């Protein structure tokens, strides 16, 4: 396997901008601010201001990426699929 290829990563091929846009469309800015209480989602939110903050703040970006996976990724990709009984 080639280094850097992540076929099972649900975020593979997505830009941070695409993640923020889809979450904002799905949850709305108010909903995003309730789920992840960041000023970039609370106070005059925009994609541009959110991207600026998230690119400089790894812990916040991780929270946004985690919310994206929990919201949109298939259960198998999240690693929480229930096991079938034997």
Protein backbone atom coordinates (compact mmCIF):
# COMPACT_ATOMS: atom_id res chain seq x y z
CA UNK A 1 0.00 0.00 0.00
CA UNK A 2 1.23 3.47 -0.83
CA UNK A 3 2.12 5.69 2.10
CA UNK A 4 -0.41 8.43 2.69
CA UNK A 5 -3.34 6.62 1.08
CA UNK A 6 -6.21 6.27 3.52
CA UNK A 7 -9.02 4.36 1.81
CA UNK A 8 -10.91 3.73 5.07
CA UNK A 9 -10.64 7.30 6.34
CA UNK A 10 -14.12 8.87 6.03
CA UNK A 11 -12.50 12.31 5.66
CA UNK A 12 -10.19 11.22 2.84
CA UNK A 13 -10.46 13.60 -0.09
CA UNK A 14 -12.50 16.21 1.79
CA UNK A 15 -11.26 19.72 2.34
CA UNK A 16 -11.82 21.50 5.62
CA UNK A 17 -13.99 23.96 3.71
CA UNK A 18 -16.22 21.17 2.40
CA UNK A 19 -16.57 19.79 5.93
CA UNK A 20 -17.53 23.16 7.43
CA UNK A 21 -19.98 23.96 4.61
CA UNK A 22 -21.75 20.62 4.87
CA UNK A 23 -21.98 20.79 8.67
CA UNK A 24 -23.32 24.37 8.51
CA UNK A 25 -25.90 23.36 5.92
CA UNK A 26 -26.97 20.34 7.96
CA UNK A 27 -26.95 21.76 11.50
CA UNK A 28 -27.12 25.51 10.83
CA UNK A 29 -24.67 27.86 12.56
CA UNK A 30 -26.73 27.86 15.76
CA UNK A 31 -26.80 24.07 15.82
CA UNK A 32 -23.08 23.91 15.18
CA UNK A 33 -22.44 26.36 18.02
CA UNK A 34 -24.54 24.20 20.35
CA UNK A 35 -22.66 21.04 19.41
CA UNK A 36 -19.21 22.67 19.38
CA UNK A 37 -19.22 25.93 21.35
CA UNK A 38 -16.65 27.92 19.38
CA UNK A 39 -16.81 31.68 18.87
CA UNK A 40 -16.32 31.20 15.12
CA UNK A 41 -19.71 29.43 15.10
CA UNK A 42 -21.41 31.74 17.65
CA UNK A 43 -20.41 35.31 16.80
CA UNK A 44 -21.11 36.45 13.23
CA UNK A 45 -20.27 33.01 11.81
CA UNK A 46 -19.01 32.50 8.28
CA UNK A 47 -17.15 29.81 6.43
CA UNK A 48 -14.15 32.12 6.02
CA UNK A 49 -13.85 33.02 9.72
CA UNK A 50 -14.36 29.39 10.73
CA UNK A 51 -11.66 28.18 8.36
CA UNK A 52 -9.21 30.80 9.62
CA UNK A 53 -9.75 29.70 13.22
CA UNK A 54 -9.84 25.96 12.57
CA UNK A 55 -6.64 26.00 10.51
CA UNK A 56 -4.80 27.61 13.45
CA UNK A 57 -6.41 25.50 16.18
CA UNK A 58 -5.82 21.74 15.83
CA UNK A 59 -7.98 20.72 18.82
CA UNK A 60 -10.98 22.61 17.41
CA UNK A 61 -10.44 21.16 13.93
CA UNK A 62 -10.42 17.67 15.45
CA UNK A 63 -13.78 18.35 17.10
CA UNK A 64 -15.25 19.55 13.81
CA UNK A 65 -13.88 16.53 11.93
CA UNK A 66 -15.25 14.21 14.64
CA UNK A 67 -18.70 15.80 14.37
CA UNK A 68 -18.59 15.39 10.58
CA UNK A 69 -17.78 11.70 10.90
CA UNK A 70 -20.48 11.15 13.51
CA UNK A 71 -23.01 13.01 11.38
CA UNK A 72 -22.29 11.73 7.89
CA UNK A 73 -19.93 8.74 7.82
CA UNK A 74 -21.32 5.21 7.53
CA UNK A 75 -21.31 3.31 10.82
CA UNK A 76 -18.58 0.95 9.60
CA UNK A 77 -16.24 3.85 8.85
CA UNK A 78 -16.83 5.27 12.34
CA UNK A 79 -15.86 1.94 13.87
CA UNK A 80 -19.05 1.63 15.90
CA UNK A 81 -20.93 -0.96 13.86
CA UNK A 82 -22.52 -3.59 16.06
CA UNK A 83 -20.97 -6.99 15.85
CA UNK A 84 -23.09 -9.81 14.57
CA UNK A 85 -23.77 -12.55 17.11
CA UNK A 86 -21.84 -15.77 16.56
